[in-house]
Protein backbone atom coordinates (compact mmCIF):
# COMPACT_ATOMS: atom_id res chain seq x y z
CA MET A 1 133.96 91.89 125.47
CA ILE A 2 131.59 92.19 122.52
CA THR A 3 132.89 90.22 119.53
CA ASN A 4 130.31 90.93 116.81
CA ILE A 5 126.69 91.68 115.95
CA SER A 6 124.78 88.42 115.74
CA LEU A 7 121.13 89.46 115.45
CA VAL A 8 119.02 92.28 114.05
CA SER A 9 115.23 92.42 114.21
CA LEU A 10 113.08 93.41 111.27
CA TRP A 11 109.43 94.31 111.91
CA VAL A 12 107.18 92.54 109.42
CA THR A 13 103.44 92.32 108.87
CA ASP A 14 103.28 88.54 108.32
CA ILE A 15 106.08 86.19 109.28
CA ASP A 16 105.23 83.48 106.71
CA GLU A 17 105.03 85.96 103.84
CA SER A 18 108.25 87.68 104.93
CA LEU A 19 110.03 84.35 105.30
CA ALA A 20 109.06 83.55 101.70
CA PHE A 21 110.14 87.03 100.51
CA TYR A 22 113.55 86.91 102.14
CA THR A 23 114.29 83.32 101.06
CA ASP A 24 112.63 83.09 97.63
CA VAL A 25 113.19 86.65 96.40
CA MET A 26 116.21 87.95 98.30
CA GLY A 27 118.24 84.73 98.50
CA PHE A 28 118.49 84.38 102.28
CA GLU A 29 118.34 80.99 103.99
CA PRO A 30 115.85 80.02 106.70
CA ARG A 31 117.46 79.37 110.06
CA ASP A 32 115.34 79.24 113.26
CA ASP A 33 111.58 78.89 113.23
CA ILE A 34 110.16 78.14 116.66
CA SER A 35 106.75 78.90 118.16
CA LEU A 36 107.04 79.95 121.78
CA GLY A 37 103.57 79.81 123.23
CA ASP A 38 100.46 80.91 121.40
CA ASP A 39 101.54 84.42 120.57
CA PHE A 40 105.27 84.49 119.83
CA ARG A 41 107.27 83.02 116.99
CA TRP A 42 111.07 83.15 116.74
CA CYS A 43 111.89 83.12 113.04
CA THR A 44 115.28 84.05 111.60
CA VAL A 45 116.95 84.06 108.20
CA VAL A 46 120.62 84.43 107.29
CA HIS A 47 122.49 85.43 104.19
CA PRO A 48 124.69 82.54 102.91
CA ALA A 49 127.75 84.83 102.83
CA GLN A 50 127.18 85.97 106.43
CA PRO A 51 125.54 83.08 108.33
CA GLU A 52 126.58 84.41 111.73
CA LEU A 53 124.21 87.41 111.41
CA HIS A 54 120.61 86.37 111.98
CA VAL A 55 117.76 88.59 110.77
CA HIS A 56 114.84 88.10 113.16
CA LEU A 57 111.47 88.46 111.38
CA THR A 58 108.94 89.60 113.97
CA THR A 59 105.58 91.31 114.13
CA PRO A 60 104.77 94.25 116.40
CA SER A 61 103.20 92.57 119.44
CA ARG A 62 103.45 92.21 123.19
CA PRO A 63 105.33 93.11 125.31
CA LEU A 64 105.10 96.38 123.31
CA SER A 65 102.31 98.73 124.37
CA ASP A 66 99.10 98.82 122.34
CA ASP A 67 99.89 102.42 121.32
CA LEU A 68 103.35 101.46 120.02
CA ILE A 69 101.99 98.42 118.21
CA ALA A 70 99.36 100.58 116.51
CA ALA A 71 101.95 103.22 115.55
CA MET A 72 104.27 100.59 114.09
CA GLN A 73 101.44 99.00 112.13
CA ARG A 74 100.52 102.44 110.70
CA ALA A 75 104.15 103.01 109.69
CA GLN A 76 104.24 99.59 108.04
CA ALA A 77 101.01 100.31 106.13
CA GLU A 78 102.52 103.61 104.92
CA GLY A 79 105.71 101.84 103.80
CA GLY A 80 107.91 103.95 106.03
CA MET A 81 109.63 101.53 108.38
CA PRO A 82 113.43 101.53 108.43
CA GLY A 83 114.95 98.23 107.45
CA ILE A 84 118.46 97.06 106.69
CA GLY A 85 121.30 97.92 104.33
CA LEU A 86 122.60 95.30 101.94
CA ASN A 87 125.89 95.40 100.03
CA VAL A 88 125.73 94.23 96.43
CA ASP A 89 128.47 93.60 93.88
CA ASP A 90 126.50 95.15 90.97
CA CYS A 91 123.68 97.49 91.97
CA HIS A 92 122.28 97.91 88.44
CA LYS A 93 122.16 94.14 87.85
CA THR A 94 120.62 93.46 91.28
CA TYR A 95 118.04 96.18 90.63
CA GLU A 96 117.08 94.55 87.30
CA GLU A 97 116.88 91.06 88.85
CA LEU A 98 114.73 92.18 91.78
CA THR A 99 112.50 94.36 89.59
CA ALA A 100 111.87 91.31 87.42
CA LYS A 101 110.76 89.47 90.59
CA GLY A 102 108.22 92.21 91.33
CA VAL A 103 110.14 94.08 94.05
CA GLU A 104 109.02 97.69 94.56
CA PHE A 105 111.82 100.24 94.23
CA ILE A 106 111.54 103.72 95.70
CA GLN A 107 114.75 104.85 94.00
CA PRO A 108 116.60 103.23 91.08
CA PRO A 109 120.40 102.94 91.23
CA GLU A 110 122.05 106.34 91.65
CA ASP A 111 125.66 107.42 92.11
CA ARG A 112 126.58 108.53 95.62
CA PRO A 113 129.97 109.44 97.09
CA TYR A 114 130.07 106.05 98.87
CA GLY A 115 128.93 103.96 95.89
CA ILE A 116 125.88 103.18 93.81
CA GLU A 117 122.67 103.05 95.83
CA ALA A 118 119.11 101.85 95.18
CA LEU A 119 116.23 101.96 97.64
CA MET A 120 113.52 99.32 97.77
CA ARG A 121 110.70 98.11 100.00
CA ASP A 122 110.22 94.59 101.24
CA ASN A 123 106.77 93.00 101.36
CA SER A 124 106.12 94.58 104.80
CA GLY A 125 106.96 98.12 103.77
CA ASN A 126 110.48 98.18 105.25
CA TRP A 127 112.98 100.31 103.37
CA LEU A 128 116.02 98.33 102.25
CA VAL A 129 119.03 100.09 100.82
CA LEU A 130 121.21 98.28 98.29
CA VAL A 131 124.73 99.68 98.04
CA GLN A 132 127.54 98.81 95.67
CA PRO A 133 130.24 100.35 97.87
CA ARG A 134 133.35 102.21 96.77
CA GLU A 135 136.17 103.97 98.57
CA PHE A 136 135.39 107.54 99.61
CA THR A 137 136.70 110.41 101.68
CA PRO A 138 134.80 113.07 103.64
CA GLU A 139 135.66 115.54 100.89
CA ASP A 140 133.64 113.49 98.42
CA PHE A 141 130.50 114.52 100.34
CA ASP A 142 131.38 118.23 100.01
CA ARG A 143 131.14 117.89 96.23
CA ALA A 144 128.07 115.63 96.23
CA ASP A 145 124.66 116.76 95.05
CA PHE A 146 121.92 115.10 97.09
CA GLY A 147 119.20 117.39 95.65
């Protein structure tokens, strides 16, 4: 039986730069960093409050097809890759702290039915959503303006 999610992969453009971004800017901790052959590196980071969930930083490469690798690299260059969602205790404060560190935000903190949300990009163009969650019901979405 499945007990939990232990690993998610995040496509990055440069593993060293992304390792620095996630540890120095975002506050994650380095975990595994192993070179497996000449062309594959297993590099993970964890958040100190959730060390059982590893975020695997990886570049688009084999065994993916050349066409898929090229498409992913184009999406990264355009800043349109999906990333991960991160809960925060104070979205406005986190936004200010990360902005001061040079993080690019696509959307500043905004009220949503499920909480306060801000949208940012990491240094590889992945979209990261920051959410200060709150209790909600399906009816809250009926009254929400997402315009």
